[in-house]
Amino acid sequence: MKTTTRTVGDVTVVDISGRIVLGSESASLRSLVTELLSHGHNKILLNLAEVNYIDSTGLGHLVSAFTTVRKHEGELKLLKLTNKVQDLMQITRLYTVFDIRDDETEALKSFALSAVATT
């Protein structure tokens, strides 16, 4: 798994490629989210367009990242799921937990809309 991080406005976009599976991949994802939160980045968009596989441990780490970000009064959203990952979200019903977007511009705007809704 490889990640690159970029900032668009006040949202941190994490572009992920490869596999999110048991081992160093999922552990590095958890570390990355923790590091982002420690630097005050609590609006996180995970771009999964290049993720070709997620196992149960990887799913667990996504859910864990989601709850950790929420505890820091932030938001974690998912972007551009591949068909395999989208099917996995349907089967596990995690699509009801995550805000999943297909368009990056719309996803970025949704963070601003969420902030307005909570004020």
Protein backbone atom coordinates (compact mmCIF):
# COMPACT_ATOMS: atom_id res chain seq x y z
CA MET A 1 0.00 0.00 0.00
CA LYS A 2 1.25 3.45 -0.89
CA THR A 3 -0.17 6.75 0.29
CA THR A 4 0.30 10.35 -0.73
CA THR A 5 -1.23 13.21 1.16
CA ARG A 6 -2.33 16.56 -0.20
CA THR A 7 -4.36 19.43 1.19
CA VAL A 8 -7.27 21.02 -0.64
CA GLY A 9 -8.57 23.96 1.37
CA ASP A 10 -9.06 22.62 4.90
CA VAL A 11 -9.47 18.99 3.79
CA THR A 12 -6.63 16.48 3.78
CA VAL A 13 -6.90 14.12 0.83
CA VAL A 14 -5.08 10.81 1.18
CA ASP A 15 -4.56 9.03 -2.13
CA ILE A 16 -4.13 5.31 -1.46
CA SER A 17 -2.99 2.66 -3.92
CA GLY A 18 -2.49 -1.07 -3.56
CA ARG A 19 -4.04 -3.36 -0.97
CA ILE A 20 -5.30 -2.62 2.54
CA VAL A 21 -4.68 -5.94 4.28
CA LEU A 22 -3.48 -7.47 7.53
CA GLY A 23 0.05 -6.38 8.33
CA SER A 24 2.06 -3.25 7.77
CA GLU A 25 -0.42 -1.84 5.23
CA SER A 26 -3.33 -1.49 7.61
CA ALA A 27 -1.04 -0.49 10.49
CA SER A 28 0.43 2.32 8.37
CA LEU A 29 -3.07 3.57 7.56
CA ARG A 30 -3.89 3.76 11.27
CA SER A 31 -0.61 5.57 11.96
CA LEU A 32 -1.25 8.04 9.14
CA VAL A 33 -4.72 8.94 10.44
CA THR A 34 -3.36 9.33 13.98
CA GLU A 35 -0.56 11.57 12.71
CA LEU A 36 -2.97 13.72 10.67
CA LEU A 37 -5.21 14.19 13.72
CA SER A 38 -2.24 15.10 15.93
CA HIS A 39 -1.44 17.92 13.48
CA GLY A 40 -5.01 19.23 13.59
CA HIS A 41 -6.18 17.72 10.32
CA ASN A 42 -9.62 16.40 11.19
CA LYS A 43 -11.28 16.58 7.75
CA ILE A 44 -9.94 13.55 5.92
CA LEU A 45 -10.91 12.23 2.50
CA LEU A 46 -9.54 8.79 1.64
CA ASN A 47 -9.25 8.38 -2.14
CA LEU A 48 -9.54 4.62 -2.77
CA ALA A 49 -9.54 4.81 -6.59
CA GLU A 50 -6.31 2.78 -6.78
CA VAL A 51 -7.12 0.29 -4.00
CA ASN A 52 -7.70 -3.10 -5.58
CA TYR A 53 -8.30 -5.19 -2.44
CA ILE A 54 -9.33 -4.77 1.19
CA ASP A 55 -9.48 -7.71 3.60
CA SER A 56 -11.43 -7.89 6.86
CA THR A 57 -8.55 -6.38 8.83
CA GLY A 58 -8.35 -3.50 6.37
CA LEU A 59 -12.09 -2.92 6.76
CA GLY A 60 -11.64 -2.95 10.51
CA HIS A 61 -8.94 -0.31 10.25
CA LEU A 62 -11.17 1.88 8.05
CA VAL A 63 -13.94 1.67 10.66
CA SER A 64 -11.42 2.32 13.44
CA ALA A 65 -10.08 5.36 11.57
CA PHE A 66 -13.64 6.61 11.11
CA THR A 67 -14.43 6.37 14.84
CA THR A 68 -11.08 7.90 15.83
CA VAL A 69 -11.67 10.89 13.56
CA ARG A 70 -15.20 11.28 14.95
CA LYS A 71 -13.82 11.31 18.51
CA HIS A 72 -11.63 14.23 17.42
CA GLU A 73 -14.78 16.01 16.19
CA GLY A 74 -13.75 15.47 12.59
CA GLU A 75 -15.02 13.74 9.50
CA LEU A 76 -13.60 10.91 7.43
CA LYS A 77 -15.10 10.25 4.01
CA LEU A 78 -14.32 7.82 1.21
CA LEU A 79 -13.80 8.68 -2.44
CA LYS A 80 -13.89 6.73 -5.71
CA LEU A 81 -14.37 3.14 -4.61
CA THR A 82 -13.43 0.47 -7.13
CA ASN A 83 -16.14 -2.03 -8.03
CA LYS A 84 -14.61 -4.69 -5.75
CA VAL A 85 -14.42 -2.34 -2.79
CA GLN A 86 -17.91 -1.00 -3.50
CA ASP A 87 -19.27 -4.56 -3.49
CA LEU A 88 -17.53 -5.19 -0.18
CA MET A 89 -19.13 -2.08 1.32
CA GLN A 90 -22.54 -3.31 0.13
CA ILE A 91 -22.08 -6.83 1.51
CA THR A 92 -20.88 -5.57 4.90
CA ARG A 93 -23.44 -2.73 4.91
CA LEU A 94 -20.64 -0.27 5.69
CA TYR A 95 -22.03 2.02 3.01
CA THR A 96 -24.52 3.06 5.72
CA VAL A 97 -21.63 4.16 7.98
CA PHE A 98 -19.33 5.99 5.57
CA ASP A 99 -20.05 9.03 3.45
CA ILE A 100 -18.91 7.68 0.07
CA ARG A 101 -18.48 9.97 -2.94
CA ASP A 102 -17.53 9.38 -6.56
CA ASP A 103 -16.54 12.95 -7.43
CA GLU A 104 -13.69 14.71 -5.61
CA THR A 105 -15.12 18.21 -6.06
CA GLU A 106 -18.47 17.12 -4.63
CA ALA A 107 -16.72 15.32 -1.77
CA LEU A 108 -14.72 18.43 -0.88
CA LYS A 109 -17.87 20.58 -0.96
CA SER A 110 -19.63 18.07 1.32
CA PHE A 111 -17.18 18.87 4.15
CA ALA A 112 -18.25 22.53 4.05
CA LEU A 113 -21.92 21.54 3.99
CA SER A 114 -21.40 19.25 6.99
CA ALA A 115 -19.75 22.09 8.91
CA VAL A 116 -22.69 24.41 8.20
CA ALA A 117 -25.18 21.74 9.27
CA THR A 118 -23.50 21.28 12.67
CA THR A 119 -23.30 24.98 13.54
